[in-house]
Amino acid sequence: KLLKYSLFKRYLENVVENSQFRDIEDIIAFYKA
């Protein structure tokens, strides 16, 4: 399952690289908000 969802992880890593978010956890916190 982790291999199946690894695409989303890479996508989030690209988002972190090209945005003001510090890490994936920061994106999750923002999404929950």
PDB file of all heavy atoms in Angstrom:
ATOM      1  N   LYS A   1       0.832  -1.203   0.000  1.00  0.00           N
ATOM      2  CA  LYS A   1       0.000   0.000   0.000  1.00  0.00           C
ATOM      3  C   LYS A   1       0.868   1.255   0.000  1.00  0.00           C
ATOM      4  O   LYS A   1       0.538   2.245  -0.651  1.00  0.00           O
ATOM      5  CB  LYS A   1      -0.919  -0.004   1.220  1.00  0.00           C
ATOM      6  CG  LYS A   1      -2.014  -1.037   1.154  1.00  0.00           C
ATOM      7  CD  LYS A   1      -2.963  -0.909   2.322  1.00  0.00           C
ATOM      8  CE  LYS A   1      -4.100  -1.923   2.220  1.00  0.00           C
ATOM      9  NZ  LYS A   1      -5.036  -1.808   3.362  1.00  0.00           N
ATOM     10  N   LEU A   2       1.980   1.196   0.739  1.00  0.00           N
ATOM     11  CA  LEU A   2       2.891   2.339   0.755  1.00  0.00           C
ATOM     12  C   LEU A   2       3.469   2.597  -0.630  1.00  0.00           C
ATOM     13  O   LEU A   2       3.587   3.745  -1.063  1.00  0.00           O
ATOM     14  CB  LEU A   2       4.017   2.075   1.759  1.00  0.00           C
ATOM     15  CG  LEU A   2       5.072   3.175   1.900  1.00  0.00           C
ATOM     16  CD1 LEU A   2       4.425   4.461   2.380  1.00  0.00           C
ATOM     17  CD2 LEU A   2       6.168   2.740   2.855  1.00  0.00           C
ATOM     18  N   LEU A   3       3.822   1.522  -1.340  1.00  0.00           N
ATOM     19  CA  LEU A   3       4.318   1.667  -2.703  1.00  0.00           C
ATOM     20  C   LEU A   3       3.239   2.252  -3.612  1.00  0.00           C
ATOM     21  O   LEU A   3       3.524   3.062  -4.506  1.00  0.00           O
ATOM     22  CB  LEU A   3       4.777   0.305  -3.222  1.00  0.00           C
ATOM     23  CG  LEU A   3       5.375   0.278  -4.636  1.00  0.00           C
ATOM     24  CD1 LEU A   3       6.630   1.144  -4.704  1.00  0.00           C
ATOM     25  CD2 LEU A   3       5.681  -1.155  -5.059  1.00  0.00           C
ATOM     26  N   LYS A   4       1.987   1.855  -3.365  1.00  0.00           N
ATOM     27  CA  LYS A   4       0.876   2.345  -4.174  1.00  0.00           C
ATOM     28  C   LYS A   4       0.666   3.840  -3.980  1.00  0.00           C
ATOM     29  O   LYS A   4       0.383   4.578  -4.930  1.00  0.00           O
ATOM     30  CB  LYS A   4      -0.393   1.573  -3.814  1.00  0.00           C
ATOM     31  CG  LYS A   4      -1.628   2.013  -4.577  1.00  0.00           C
ATOM     32  CD  LYS A   4      -2.833   1.206  -4.142  1.00  0.00           C
ATOM     33  CE  LYS A   4      -4.087   1.665  -4.868  1.00  0.00           C
ATOM     34  NZ  LYS A   4      -5.283   0.895  -4.424  1.00  0.00           N
ATOM     35  N   TYR A   5       0.816   4.309  -2.731  1.00  0.00           N
ATOM     36  CA  TYR A   5       0.573   5.719  -2.420  1.00  0.00           C
ATOM     37  C   TYR A   5       1.855   6.555  -2.431  1.00  0.00           C
ATOM     38  O   TYR A   5       1.835   7.710  -2.006  1.00  0.00           O
ATOM     39  CB  TYR A   5      -0.086   5.851  -1.045  1.00  0.00           C
ATOM     40  CG  TYR A   5      -1.475   5.291  -0.987  1.00  0.00           C
ATOM     41  CD1 TYR A   5      -1.764   4.171  -0.205  1.00  0.00           C
ATOM     42  CD2 TYR A   5      -2.512   5.862  -1.712  1.00  0.00           C
ATOM     43  CE1 TYR A   5      -3.036   3.643  -0.159  1.00  0.00           C
ATOM     44  CE2 TYR A   5      -3.790   5.347  -1.659  1.00  0.00           C
ATOM     45  CZ  TYR A   5      -4.053   4.240  -0.881  1.00  0.00           C
ATOM     46  OH  TYR A   5      -5.313   3.724  -0.823  1.00  0.00           O
ATOM     47  N   SER A   6       2.957   6.000  -2.874  1.00  0.00           N
ATOM     48  CA  SER A   6       4.213   6.747  -2.890  1.00  0.00           C
ATOM     49  C   SER A   6       4.143   7.924  -3.851  1.00  0.00           C
ATOM     50  O   SER A   6       4.868   8.907  -3.698  1.00  0.00           O
ATOM     51  CB  SER A   6       5.362   5.814  -3.275  1.00  0.00           C
ATOM     52  OG  SER A   6       5.132   5.246  -4.564  1.00  0.00           O
ATOM     53  N   LEU A   7       3.272   7.831  -4.879  1.00  0.00           N
ATOM     54  CA  LEU A   7       3.113   8.925  -5.820  1.00  0.00           C
ATOM     55  C   LEU A   7       2.668  10.198  -5.112  1.00  0.00           C
ATOM     56  O   LEU A   7       3.163  11.296  -5.403  1.00  0.00           O
ATOM     57  CB  LEU A   7       2.100   8.526  -6.902  1.00  0.00           C
ATOM     58  CG  LEU A   7       1.751   9.605  -7.943  1.00  0.00           C
ATOM     59  CD1 LEU A   7       2.994   9.951  -8.750  1.00  0.00           C
ATOM     60  CD2 LEU A   7       0.645   9.113  -8.852  1.00  0.00           C
ATOM     61  N   PHE A   8       1.742  10.057  -4.165  1.00  0.00           N
ATOM     62  CA  PHE A   8       1.258  11.223  -3.430  1.00  0.00           C
ATOM     63  C   PHE A   8       2.363  11.799  -2.545  1.00  0.00           C
ATOM     64  O   PHE A   8       2.437  13.014  -2.340  1.00  0.00           O
ATOM     65  CB  PHE A   8       0.044  10.841  -2.591  1.00  0.00           C
ATOM     66  CG  PHE A   8      -1.100  10.331  -3.409  1.00  0.00           C
ATOM     67  CD1 PHE A   8      -1.351   8.968  -3.483  1.00  0.00           C
ATOM     68  CD2 PHE A   8      -1.912  11.196  -4.121  1.00  0.00           C
ATOM     69  CE1 PHE A   8      -2.397   8.492  -4.242  1.00  0.00           C
ATOM     70  CE2 PHE A   8      -2.962  10.732  -4.880  1.00  0.00           C
ATOM     71  CZ  PHE A   8      -3.199   9.377  -4.947  1.00  0.00           C
ATOM     72  N   LYS A   9       3.196  10.950  -2.010  1.00  0.00           N
ATOM     73  CA  LYS A   9       4.305  11.434  -1.202  1.00  0.00           C
ATOM     74  C   LYS A   9       5.250  12.291  -2.036  1.00  0.00           C
ATOM     75  O   LYS A   9       5.669  13.377  -1.618  1.00  0.00           O
ATOM     76  CB  LYS A   9       5.055  10.251  -0.581  1.00  0.00           C
ATOM     77  CG  LYS A   9       6.206  10.682   0.314  1.00  0.00           C
ATOM     78  CD  LYS A   9       6.929   9.489   0.871  1.00  0.00           C
ATOM     79  CE  LYS A   9       8.114   9.941   1.727  1.00  0.00           C
ATOM     80  NZ  LYS A   9       8.873   8.776   2.252  1.00  0.00           N
ATOM     81  N   ARG A  10       5.596  11.813  -3.246  1.00  0.00           N
ATOM     82  CA  ARG A  10       6.465  12.596  -4.115  1.00  0.00           C
ATOM     83  C   ARG A  10       5.800  13.919  -4.502  1.00  0.00           C
ATOM     84  O   ARG A  10       6.448  14.967  -4.567  1.00  0.00           O
ATOM     85  CB  ARG A  10       6.800  11.782  -5.374  1.00  0.00           C
ATOM     86  CG  ARG A  10       7.730  10.602  -5.094  1.00  0.00           C
ATOM     87  CD  ARG A  10       8.303  10.048  -6.385  1.00  0.00           C
ATOM     88  NE  ARG A  10       7.270   9.521  -7.268  1.00  0.00           N
ATOM     89  CZ  ARG A  10       6.835   8.268  -7.234  1.00  0.00           C
ATOM     90  NH1 ARG A  10       7.336   7.402  -6.355  1.00  0.00           N
ATOM     91  NH2 ARG A  10       5.904   7.854  -8.094  1.00  0.00           N
ATOM     92  N   TYR A  11       4.493  13.850  -4.743  1.00  0.00           N
ATOM     93  CA  TYR A  11       3.770  15.071  -5.086  1.00  0.00           C
ATOM     94  C   TYR A  11       3.845  16.081  -3.939  1.00  0.00           C
ATOM     95  O   TYR A  11       4.101  17.275  -4.155  1.00  0.00           O
ATOM     96  CB  TYR A  11       2.314  14.726  -5.402  1.00  0.00           C
ATOM     97  CG  TYR A  11       1.418  15.926  -5.567  1.00  0.00           C
ATOM     98  CD1 TYR A  11       1.460  16.694  -6.732  1.00  0.00           C
ATOM     99  CD2 TYR A  11       0.549  16.295  -4.548  1.00  0.00           C
ATOM    100  CE1 TYR A  11       0.640  17.799  -6.884  1.00  0.00           C
ATOM    101  CE2 TYR A  11      -0.262  17.419  -4.691  1.00  0.00           C
ATOM    102  CZ  TYR A  11      -0.211  18.157  -5.856  1.00  0.00           C
ATOM    103  OH  TYR A  11      -1.016  19.244  -5.987  1.00  0.00           O
ATOM    104  N   LEU A  12       3.661  15.620  -2.701  1.00  0.00           N
ATOM    105  CA  LEU A  12       3.720  16.513  -1.541  1.00  0.00           C
ATOM    106  C   LEU A  12       5.132  17.037  -1.329  1.00  0.00           C
ATOM    107  O   LEU A  12       5.323  18.184  -0.915  1.00  0.00           O
ATOM    108  CB  LEU A  12       3.215  15.778  -0.300  1.00  0.00           C
ATOM    109  CG  LEU A  12       1.721  15.483  -0.299  1.00  0.00           C
ATOM    110  CD1 LEU A  12       1.353  14.655   0.920  1.00  0.00           C
ATOM    111  CD2 LEU A  12       0.911  16.766  -0.302  1.00  0.00           C
ATOM    112  N   GLU A  13       6.118  16.212  -1.586  1.00  0.00           N
ATOM    113  CA  GLU A  13       7.491  16.692  -1.468  1.00  0.00           C
ATOM    114  C   GLU A  13       7.759  17.805  -2.481  1.00  0.00           C
ATOM    115  O   GLU A  13       8.436  18.792  -2.163  1.00  0.00           O
ATOM    116  CB  GLU A  13       8.458  15.529  -1.677  1.00  0.00           C
ATOM    117  CG  GLU A  13       8.448  14.529  -0.512  1.00  0.00           C
ATOM    118  CD  GLU A  13       9.314  13.315  -0.793  1.00  0.00           C
ATOM    119  OE1 GLU A  13       9.763  13.180  -1.952  1.00  0.00           O
ATOM    120  OE2 GLU A  13       9.529  12.516   0.141  1.00  0.00           O
ATOM    121  N   ASN A  14       7.229  17.666  -3.693  1.00  0.00           N
ATOM    122  CA  ASN A  14       7.366  18.731  -4.690  1.00  0.00           C
ATOM    123  C   ASN A  14       6.636  19.997  -4.247  1.00  0.00           C
ATOM    124  O   ASN A  14       7.117  21.113  -4.470  1.00  0.00           O
ATOM    125  CB  ASN A  14       6.827  18.265  -6.043  1.00  0.00           C
ATOM    126  CG  ASN A  14       7.666  17.157  -6.656  1.00  0.00           C
ATOM    127  OD1 ASN A  14       8.869  17.087  -6.419  1.00  0.00           O
ATOM    128  ND2 ASN A  14       7.038  16.276  -7.411  1.00  0.00           N
ATOM    129  N   VAL A  15       5.474  19.797  -3.605  1.00  0.00           N
ATOM    130  CA  VAL A  15       4.734  20.956  -3.094  1.00  0.00           C
ATOM    131  C   VAL A  15       5.552  21.679  -2.031  1.00  0.00           C
ATOM    132  O   VAL A  15       5.616  22.913  -2.000  1.00  0.00           O
ATOM    133  CB  VAL A  15       3.370  20.508  -2.523  1.00  0.00           C
ATOM    134  CG1 VAL A  15       2.681  21.674  -1.811  1.00  0.00           C
ATOM    135  CG2 VAL A  15       2.480  19.996  -3.634  1.00  0.00           C
ATOM    136  N   VAL A  16       6.186  20.920  -1.138  1.00  0.00           N
ATOM    137  CA  VAL A  16       7.006  21.528  -0.091  1.00  0.00           C
ATOM    138  C   VAL A  16       8.172  22.301  -0.703  1.00  0.00           C
ATOM    139  O   VAL A  16       8.525  23.401  -0.266  1.00  0.00           O
ATOM    140  CB  VAL A  16       7.521  20.447   0.878  1.00  0.00           C
ATOM    141  CG1 VAL A  16       8.536  21.029   1.849  1.00  0.00           C
ATOM    142  CG2 VAL A  16       6.357  19.835   1.649  1.00  0.00           C
ATOM    143  N   GLU A  17       8.772  21.740  -1.743  1.00  0.00           N
ATOM    144  CA  GLU A  17       9.917  22.398  -2.384  1.00  0.00           C
ATOM    145  C   GLU A  17       9.513  23.695  -3.082  1.00  0.00           C
ATOM    146  O   GLU A  17      10.308  24.634  -3.146  1.00  0.00           O
ATOM    147  CB  GLU A  17      10.566  21.453  -3.385  1.00  0.00           C
ATOM    148  CG  GLU A  17      11.257  20.246  -2.729  1.00  0.00           C
ATOM    149  CD  GLU A  17      11.826  19.298  -3.772  1.00  0.00           C
ATOM    150  OE1 GLU A  17      11.621  19.579  -4.973  1.00  0.00           O
ATOM    151  OE2 GLU A  17      12.451  18.297  -3.378  1.00  0.00           O
ATOM    152  N   ASN A  18       8.297  23.753  -3.600  1.00  0.00           N
ATOM    153  CA  ASN A  18       7.870  24.902  -4.396  1.00  0.00           C
ATOM    154  C   ASN A  18       6.846  25.771  -3.680  1.00  0.00           C
ATOM    155  O   ASN A  18       6.043  26.458  -4.334  1.00  0.00           O
ATOM    156  CB  ASN A  18       7.284  24.422  -5.731  1.00  0.00           C
ATOM    157  CG  ASN A  18       8.286  23.652  -6.562  1.00  0.00           C
ATOM    158  OD1 ASN A  18       9.363  24.159  -6.848  1.00  0.00           O
ATOM    159  ND2 ASN A  18       7.950  22.427  -6.934  1.00  0.00           N
ATOM    160  N   SER A  19       6.800  25.737  -2.363  1.00  0.00           N
ATOM    161  CA  SER A  19       5.839  26.538  -1.600  1.00  0.00           C
ATOM    162  C   SER A  19       6.491  27.008  -0.314  1.00  0.00           C
ATOM    163  O   SER A  19       7.676  26.753  -0.055  1.00  0.00           O
ATOM    164  CB  SER A  19       4.572  25.719  -1.313  1.00  0.00           C
ATOM    165  OG  SER A  19       4.876  24.638  -0.463  1.00  0.00           O
ATOM    166  N   GLN A  20       5.688  27.689   0.499  1.00  0.00           N
ATOM    167  CA  GLN A  20       6.194  28.210   1.760  1.00  0.00           C
ATOM    168  C   GLN A  20       6.105  27.197   2.900  1.00  0.00           C
ATOM    169  O   GLN A  20       6.527  27.499   4.020  1.00  0.00           O
ATOM    170  CB  GLN A  20       5.408  29.472   2.170  1.00  0.00           C
ATOM    171  CG  GLN A  20       3.975  29.206   2.663  1.00  0.00           C
ATOM    172  CD  GLN A  20       2.995  29.053   1.524  1.00  0.00           C
ATOM    173  OE1 GLN A  20       3.398  28.940   0.371  1.00  0.00           O
ATOM    174  NE2 GLN A  20       1.714  29.052   1.847  1.00  0.00           N
ATOM    175  N   PHE A  21       5.588  26.007   2.613  1.00  0.00           N
ATOM    176  CA  PHE A  21       5.484  24.992   3.654  1.00  0.00           C
ATOM    177  C   PHE A  21       6.872  24.436   3.973  1.00  0.00           C
ATOM    178  O   PHE A  21       7.709  24.258   3.084  1.00  0.00           O
ATOM    179  CB  PHE A  21       4.551  23.860   3.219  1.00  0.00           C
ATOM    180  CG  PHE A  21       3.139  24.306   3.008  1.00  0.00           C
ATOM    181  CD1 PHE A  21       2.604  24.422   1.730  1.00  0.00           C
ATOM    182  CD2 PHE A  21       2.322  24.601   4.091  1.00  0.00           C
ATOM    183  CE1 PHE A  21       1.306  24.839   1.531  1.00  0.00           C
ATOM    184  CE2 PHE A  21       1.019  25.008   3.902  1.00  0.00           C
ATOM    185  CZ  PHE A  21       0.510  25.131   2.626  1.00  0.00           C
ATOM    186  N   ARG A  22       7.057  24.138   5.280  1.00  0.00           N
ATOM    187  CA  ARG A  22       8.358  23.619   5.709  1.00  0.00           C
ATOM    188  C   ARG A  22       8.483  22.124   5.458  1.00  0.00           C
ATOM    189  O   ARG A  22       9.550  21.639   5.083  1.00  0.00           O
ATOM    190  CB  ARG A  22       8.574  23.925   7.196  1.00  0.00           C
ATOM    191  CG  ARG A  22       8.700  25.413   7.504  1.00  0.00           C
ATOM    192  CD  ARG A  22       8.707  25.660   8.990  1.00  0.00           C
ATOM    193  NE  ARG A  22       7.429  25.264   9.584  1.00  0.00           N
ATOM    194  CZ  ARG A  22       7.166  25.365  10.891  1.00  0.00           C
ATOM    195  NH1 ARG A  22       8.093  25.802  11.728  1.00  0.00           N
ATOM    196  NH2 ARG A  22       5.985  25.009  11.352  1.00  0.00           N
ATOM    197  N   ASP A  23       7.408  21.388   5.710  1.00  0.00           N
ATOM    198  CA  ASP A  23       7.442  19.946   5.514  1.00  0.00           C
ATOM    199  C   ASP A  23       6.026  19.454   5.255  1.00  0.00           C
ATOM    200  O   ASP A  23       5.071  20.237   5.191  1.00  0.00           O
ATOM    201  CB  ASP A  23       8.048  19.246   6.746  1.00  0.00           C
ATOM    202  CG  ASP A  23       7.386  19.697   8.040  1.00  0.00           C
ATOM    203  OD1 ASP A  23       6.265  20.255   7.967  1.00  0.00           O
ATOM    204  OD2 ASP A  23       7.976  19.496   9.126  1.00  0.00           O
ATOM    205  N   ILE A  24       5.906  18.128   5.077  1.00  0.00           N
ATOM    206  CA  ILE A  24       4.595  17.527   4.782  1.00  0.00           C
ATOM    207  C   ILE A  24       3.640  17.682   5.963  1.00  0.00           C
ATOM    208  O   ILE A  24       2.432  17.900   5.789  1.00  0.00           O
ATOM    209  CB  ILE A  24       4.776  16.044   4.409  1.00  0.00           C
ATOM    210  CG1 ILE A  24       5.573  15.931   3.100  1.00  0.00           C
ATOM    211  CG2 ILE A  24       3.422  15.360   4.230  1.00  0.00           C
ATOM    212  CD1 ILE A  24       5.854  14.509   2.681  1.00  0.00           C
ATOM    213  N   GLU A  25       4.167  17.584   7.185  1.00  0.00           N
ATOM    214  CA  GLU A  25       3.317  17.747   8.364  1.00  0.00           C
ATOM    215  C   GLU A  25       2.697  19.141   8.396  1.00  0.00           C
ATOM    216  O   GLU A  25       1.550  19.317   8.825  1.00  0.00           O
ATOM    217  CB  GLU A  25       4.133  17.497   9.631  1.00  0.00           C
ATOM    218  CG  GLU A  25       4.677  16.094   9.766  1.00  0.00           C
ATOM    219  CD  GLU A  25       3.564  15.064   9.899  1.00  0.00           C
ATOM    220  OE1 GLU A  25       2.491  15.426  10.400  1.00  0.00           O
ATOM    221  OE2 GLU A  25       3.789  13.905   9.513  1.00  0.00           O
ATOM    222  N   ASP A  26       3.459  20.146   7.931  1.00  0.00           N
ATOM    223  CA  ASP A  26       2.919  21.498   7.859  1.00  0.00           C
ATOM    224  C   ASP A  26       1.761  21.572   6.876  1.00  0.00           C
ATOM    225  O   ASP A  26       0.746  22.236   7.114  1.00  0.00           O
ATOM    226  CB  ASP A  26       4.032  22.458   7.444  1.00  0.00           C
ATOM    227  CG  ASP A  26       3.653  23.916   7.684  1.00  0.00           C
ATOM    228  OD1 ASP A  26       2.608  24.144   8.321  1.00  0.00           O
ATOM    229  OD2 ASP A  26       4.382  24.808   7.251  1.00  0.00           O
ATOM    230  N   ILE A  27       1.880  20.857   5.747  1.00  0.00           N
ATOM    231  CA  ILE A  27       0.784  20.805   4.768  1.00  0.00           C
ATOM    232  C   ILE A  27      -0.445  20.134   5.386  1.00  0.00           C
ATOM    233  O   ILE A  27      -1.585  20.582   5.196  1.00  0.00           O
ATOM    234  CB  ILE A  27       1.232  20.051   3.509  1.00  0.00           C
ATOM    235  CG1 ILE A  27       2.375  20.795   2.823  1.00  0.00           C
ATOM    236  CG2 ILE A  27       0.071  19.880   2.532  1.00  0.00           C
ATOM    237  CD1 ILE A  27       2.936  20.073   1.621  1.00  0.00           C
ATOM    238  N   ILE A  28      -0.209  19.059   6.129  1.00  0.00           N
ATOM    239  CA  ILE A  28      -1.330  18.346   6.765  1.00  0.00           C
ATOM    240  C   ILE A  28      -2.034  19.256   7.763  1.00  0.00           C
ATOM    241  O   ILE A  28      -3.275  19.304   7.824  1.00  0.00           O
ATOM    242  CB  ILE A  28      -0.824  17.073   7.455  1.00  0.00           C
ATOM    243  CG1 ILE A  28      -0.253  16.110   6.413  1.00  0.00           C
ATOM    244  CG2 ILE A  28      -1.927  16.398   8.240  1.00  0.00           C
ATOM    245  CD1 ILE A  28       0.426  14.919   7.009  1.00  0.00           C
ATOM    246  N   ALA A  29      -1.243  19.986   8.567  1.00  0.00           N
ATOM    247  CA  ALA A  29      -1.844  20.897   9.540  1.00  0.00           C
ATOM    248  C   ALA A  29      -2.667  21.982   8.839  1.00  0.00           C
ATOM    249  O   ALA A  29      -3.781  22.325   9.268  1.00  0.00           O
ATOM    250  CB  ALA A  29      -0.756  21.529  10.399  1.00  0.00           C
ATOM    251  N   PHE A  30      -2.121  22.510   7.736  1.00  0.00           N
ATOM    252  CA  PHE A  30      -2.840  23.532   6.974  1.00  0.00           C
ATOM    253  C   PHE A  30      -4.128  22.959   6.392  1.00  0.00           C
ATOM    254  O   PHE A  30      -5.180  23.608   6.408  1.00  0.00           O
ATOM    255  CB  PHE A  30      -1.934  24.072   5.867  1.00  0.00           C
ATOM    256  CG  PHE A  30      -2.570  25.160   5.047  1.00  0.00           C
ATOM    257  CD1 PHE A  30      -2.750  26.424   5.562  1.00  0.00           C
ATOM    258  CD2 PHE A  30      -2.986  24.897   3.746  1.00  0.00           C
ATOM    259  CE1 PHE A  30      -3.343  27.423   4.799  1.00  0.00           C
ATOM    260  CE2 PHE A  30      -3.574  25.887   2.980  1.00  0.00           C
ATOM    261  CZ  PHE A  30      -3.759  27.159   3.512  1.00  0.00           C
ATOM    262  N   TYR A  31      -4.058  21.729   5.875  1.00  0.00           N
ATOM    263  CA  TYR A  31      -5.252  21.087   5.311  1.00  0.00           C
ATOM    264  C   TYR A  31      -6.321  20.864   6.393  1.00  0.00           C
ATOM    265  O   TYR A  31      -7.508  21.116   6.163  1.00  0.00           O
ATOM    266  CB  TYR A  31      -4.856  19.762   4.673  1.00  0.00           C
ATOM    267  CG  TYR A  31      -6.037  18.919   4.277  1.00  0.00           C
ATOM    268  CD1 TYR A  31      -6.788  19.211   3.145  1.00  0.00           C
ATOM    269  CD2 TYR A  31      -6.421  17.822   5.060  1.00  0.00           C
ATOM    270  CE1 TYR A  31      -7.871  18.449   2.795  1.00  0.00           C
ATOM    271  CE2 TYR A  31      -7.507  17.055   4.702  1.00  0.00           C
ATOM    272  CZ  TYR A  31      -8.232  17.380   3.566  1.00  0.00           C
ATOM    273  OH  TYR A  31      -9.304  16.616   3.244  1.00  0.00           O
ATOM    274  N   LYS A  32      -5.888  20.409   7.573  1.00  0.00           N
ATOM    275  CA  LYS A  32      -6.854  20.197   8.658  1.00  0.00           C
ATOM    276  C   LYS A  32      -7.510  21.511   9.063  1.00  0.00           C
ATOM    277  O   LYS A  32      -8.708  21.556   9.353  1.00  0.00           O
ATOM    278  CB  LYS A  32      -6.152  19.553   9.850  1.00  0.00           C
ATOM    279  CG  LYS A  32      -5.751  18.106   9.620  1.00  0.00           C
ATOM    280  CD  LYS A  32      -5.091  17.519  10.852  1.00  0.00           C
ATOM    281  CE  LYS A  32      -4.716  16.049  10.622  1.00  0.00           C
ATOM    282  NZ  LYS A  32      -4.053  15.453  11.803  1.00  0.00           N
ATOM    283  N   ALA A  33      -6.701  22.594   9.078  1.00  0.00           N
ATOM    284  CA  ALA A  33      -7.275  23.898   9.398  1.00  0.00           C
ATOM    285  C   ALA A  33      -8.309  24.307   8.357  1.00  0.00           C
ATOM    286  O   ALA A  33      -9.380  24.837   8.683  1.00  0.00           O
ATOM    287  CB  ALA A  33      -6.168  24.944   9.491  1.00  0.00           C
TER     288      ALA A  33
END
